[in-house]
Amino acid sequence: MVSDKKVSMIVDTAKKPAVAGDLAALGGRKLVYIRAVAAIDVIDDLGDEFGDFEVDLEADTVLYSVHASDGERIALVGDRDLAFAAARQYEMNPVSVH
């Protein structure tokens, strides 16, 4: 069924970028967002609370970040297909964002 109702979340990103609340309103709890990130941008987040966990990644490695609808990162995965499969395994609906 197609609705004539306008969605207030559609914005001209050149004027106003979408924020976490916009994404949450679009997808609810079951929708997760997957995007490519450079390992160098998230390398500090890969350690444990004591800083003892060591990860050996090249700076130009691409990881895939899985985000809840509120924008919180819930996973980092080394392969795009695996990120989508993992989300589906947990009964979530993954979509790609850039």
C-alpha atoms as a PDB file:
ATOM      1  CA  MET A   1       0.000   0.000   0.000  1.00  0.00           C
ATOM      2  CA  VAL A   2       1.438   3.361  -1.002  1.00  0.00           C
ATOM      3  CA  SER A   3       0.731   6.274   1.245  1.00  0.00           C
ATOM      4  CA  ASP A   4       0.464   9.915   0.199  1.00  0.00           C
ATOM      5  CA  LYS A   5       1.752  10.877   3.631  1.00  0.00           C
ATOM      6  CA  LYS A   6       5.040  12.762   3.476  1.00  0.00           C
ATOM      7  CA  VAL A   7       7.895  11.461   5.561  1.00  0.00           C
ATOM      8  CA  SER A   8       9.525  14.221   7.561  1.00  0.00           C
ATOM      9  CA  MET A   9      12.823  12.309   7.674  1.00  0.00           C
ATOM     10  CA  ILE A  10      13.645  12.987   4.031  1.00  0.00           C
ATOM     11  CA  VAL A  11      16.027  15.908   4.139  1.00  0.00           C
ATOM     12  CA  ASP A  12      18.338  17.650   1.746  1.00  0.00           C
ATOM     13  CA  THR A  13      21.630  16.461   3.230  1.00  0.00           C
ATOM     14  CA  ALA A  14      23.449  19.437   1.731  1.00  0.00           C
ATOM     15  CA  LYS A  15      21.389  21.621   4.054  1.00  0.00           C
ATOM     16  CA  LYS A  16      20.706  19.384   7.059  1.00  0.00           C
ATOM     17  CA  PRO A  17      22.430  16.051   7.694  1.00  0.00           C
ATOM     18  CA  ALA A  18      20.378  13.265   9.220  1.00  0.00           C
ATOM     19  CA  VAL A  19      21.039  12.719  12.906  1.00  0.00           C
ATOM     20  CA  ALA A  20      20.721   9.604  15.081  1.00  0.00           C
ATOM     21  CA  GLY A  21      17.158  10.492  16.059  1.00  0.00           C
ATOM     22  CA  ASP A  22      16.179  10.684  12.384  1.00  0.00           C
ATOM     23  CA  LEU A  23      17.553   7.199  11.777  1.00  0.00           C
ATOM     24  CA  ALA A  24      15.829   5.785  14.848  1.00  0.00           C
ATOM     25  CA  ALA A  25      12.504   7.242  13.767  1.00  0.00           C
ATOM     26  CA  LEU A  26      12.837   5.660  10.329  1.00  0.00           C
ATOM     27  CA  GLY A  27      13.682   2.148  11.393  1.00  0.00           C
ATOM     28  CA  GLY A  28      12.645   1.300  14.887  1.00  0.00           C
ATOM     29  CA  ARG A  29      14.483  -1.357  16.866  1.00  0.00           C
ATOM     30  CA  LYS A  30      14.853  -4.054  14.208  1.00  0.00           C
ATOM     31  CA  LEU A  31      16.581  -1.896  11.600  1.00  0.00           C
ATOM     32  CA  VAL A  32      20.376  -1.721  11.717  1.00  0.00           C
ATOM     33  CA  TYR A  33      22.688   0.338   9.564  1.00  0.00           C
ATOM     34  CA  ILE A  34      25.914  -1.007   8.094  1.00  0.00           C
ATOM     35  CA  ARG A  35      28.677   1.205   6.789  1.00  0.00           C
ATOM     36  CA  ALA A  36      32.288   0.840   5.785  1.00  0.00           C
ATOM     37  CA  VAL A  37      34.865   2.418   8.112  1.00  0.00           C
ATOM     38  CA  ALA A  38      38.625   2.636   7.999  1.00  0.00           C
ATOM     39  CA  ALA A  39      40.310   0.577  10.721  1.00  0.00           C
ATOM     40  CA  ILE A  40      42.461   3.565  11.654  1.00  0.00           C
ATOM     41  CA  ASP A  41      39.286   5.490  12.572  1.00  0.00           C
ATOM     42  CA  VAL A  42      38.090   2.839  15.053  1.00  0.00           C
ATOM     43  CA  ILE A  43      41.332   1.183  16.204  1.00  0.00           C
ATOM     44  CA  ASP A  44      41.140   2.819  19.644  1.00  0.00           C
ATOM     45  CA  ASP A  45      37.717   1.234  20.210  1.00  0.00           C
ATOM     46  CA  LEU A  46      39.024  -2.312  19.699  1.00  0.00           C
ATOM     47  CA  GLY A  47      40.768  -2.716  23.062  1.00  0.00           C
ATOM     48  CA  ASP A  48      39.296  -3.860  26.337  1.00  0.00           C
ATOM     49  CA  GLU A  49      38.792  -1.547  29.315  1.00  0.00           C
ATOM     50  CA  PHE A  50      42.359  -2.233  30.491  1.00  0.00           C
ATOM     51  CA  GLY A  51      43.930  -1.551  27.107  1.00  0.00           C
ATOM     52  CA  ASP A  52      45.376  -5.078  27.063  1.00  0.00           C
ATOM     53  CA  PHE A  53      43.634  -6.317  23.936  1.00  0.00           C
ATOM     54  CA  GLU A  54      45.880  -5.976  20.925  1.00  0.00           C
ATOM     55  CA  VAL A  55      44.585  -5.948  17.361  1.00  0.00           C
ATOM     56  CA  ASP A  56      46.910  -6.278  14.392  1.00  0.00           C
ATOM     57  CA  LEU A  57      45.285  -4.425  11.497  1.00  0.00           C
ATOM     58  CA  GLU A  58      46.723  -2.411   8.661  1.00  0.00           C
ATOM     59  CA  ALA A  59      45.680   1.248   8.800  1.00  0.00           C
ATOM     60  CA  ASP A  60      43.959   1.002   5.408  1.00  0.00           C
ATOM     61  CA  THR A  61      41.895  -2.085   6.343  1.00  0.00           C
ATOM     62  CA  VAL A  62      38.172  -1.624   5.754  1.00  0.00           C
ATOM     63  CA  LEU A  63      35.834  -2.814   8.514  1.00  0.00           C
ATOM     64  CA  TYR A  64      32.062  -2.750   8.558  1.00  0.00           C
ATOM     65  CA  SER A  65      30.352  -0.992  11.415  1.00  0.00           C
ATOM     66  CA  VAL A  66      26.876  -2.158  12.432  1.00  0.00           C
ATOM     67  CA  HIS A  67      24.772   0.541  14.098  1.00  0.00           C
ATOM     68  CA  ALA A  68      21.489   0.313  15.984  1.00  0.00           C
ATOM     69  CA  SER A  69      18.718   2.624  14.871  1.00  0.00           C
ATOM     70  CA  ASP A  70      19.737   5.152  17.534  1.00  0.00           C
ATOM     71  CA  GLY A  71      23.232   5.407  16.004  1.00  0.00           C
ATOM     72  CA  GLU A  72      25.048   3.331  18.632  1.00  0.00           C
ATOM     73  CA  ARG A  73      27.687   1.048  17.130  1.00  0.00           C
ATOM     74  CA  ILE A  74      26.879  -2.515  18.139  1.00  0.00           C
ATOM     75  CA  ALA A  75      29.472  -4.428  16.108  1.00  0.00           C
ATOM     76  CA  LEU A  76      32.572  -4.171  13.945  1.00  0.00           C
ATOM     77  CA  VAL A  77      32.960  -6.860  11.314  1.00  0.00           C
ATOM     78  CA  GLY A  78      35.738  -7.551   8.847  1.00  0.00           C
ATOM     79  CA  ASP A  79      33.480  -8.473   5.928  1.00  0.00           C
ATOM     80  CA  ARG A  80      30.378  -6.765   4.512  1.00  0.00           C
ATOM     81  CA  ASP A  81      28.516  -9.996   3.762  1.00  0.00           C
ATOM     82  CA  LEU A  82      29.242 -11.250   7.273  1.00  0.00           C
ATOM     83  CA  ALA A  83      27.893  -8.009   8.773  1.00  0.00           C
ATOM     84  CA  PHE A  84      24.616  -8.480   6.908  1.00  0.00           C
ATOM     85  CA  ALA A  85      24.430 -12.188   7.768  1.00  0.00           C
ATOM     86  CA  ALA A  86      25.093 -11.534  11.459  1.00  0.00           C
ATOM     87  CA  ALA A  87      22.374  -8.886  11.603  1.00  0.00           C
ATOM     88  CA  ARG A  88      19.881 -11.248   9.979  1.00  0.00           C
ATOM     89  CA  GLN A  89      20.926 -14.045  12.359  1.00  0.00           C
ATOM     90  CA  TYR A  90      19.771 -11.824  15.222  1.00  0.00           C
ATOM     91  CA  GLU A  91      16.483 -11.079  13.416  1.00  0.00           C
ATOM     92  CA  MET A  92      17.482  -7.542  12.466  1.00  0.00           C
ATOM     93  CA  ASN A  93      16.953  -5.861   9.117  1.00  0.00           C
ATOM     94  CA  PRO A  94      20.278  -4.501   7.835  1.00  0.00           C
ATOM     95  CA  VAL A  95      20.590  -1.639   5.360  1.00  0.00           C
ATOM     96  CA  SER A  96      23.690  -0.061   3.907  1.00  0.00           C
ATOM     97  CA  VAL A  97      24.513   3.596   4.538  1.00  0.00           C
ATOM     98  CA  HIS A  98      27.347   5.705   3.185  1.00  0.00           C
END
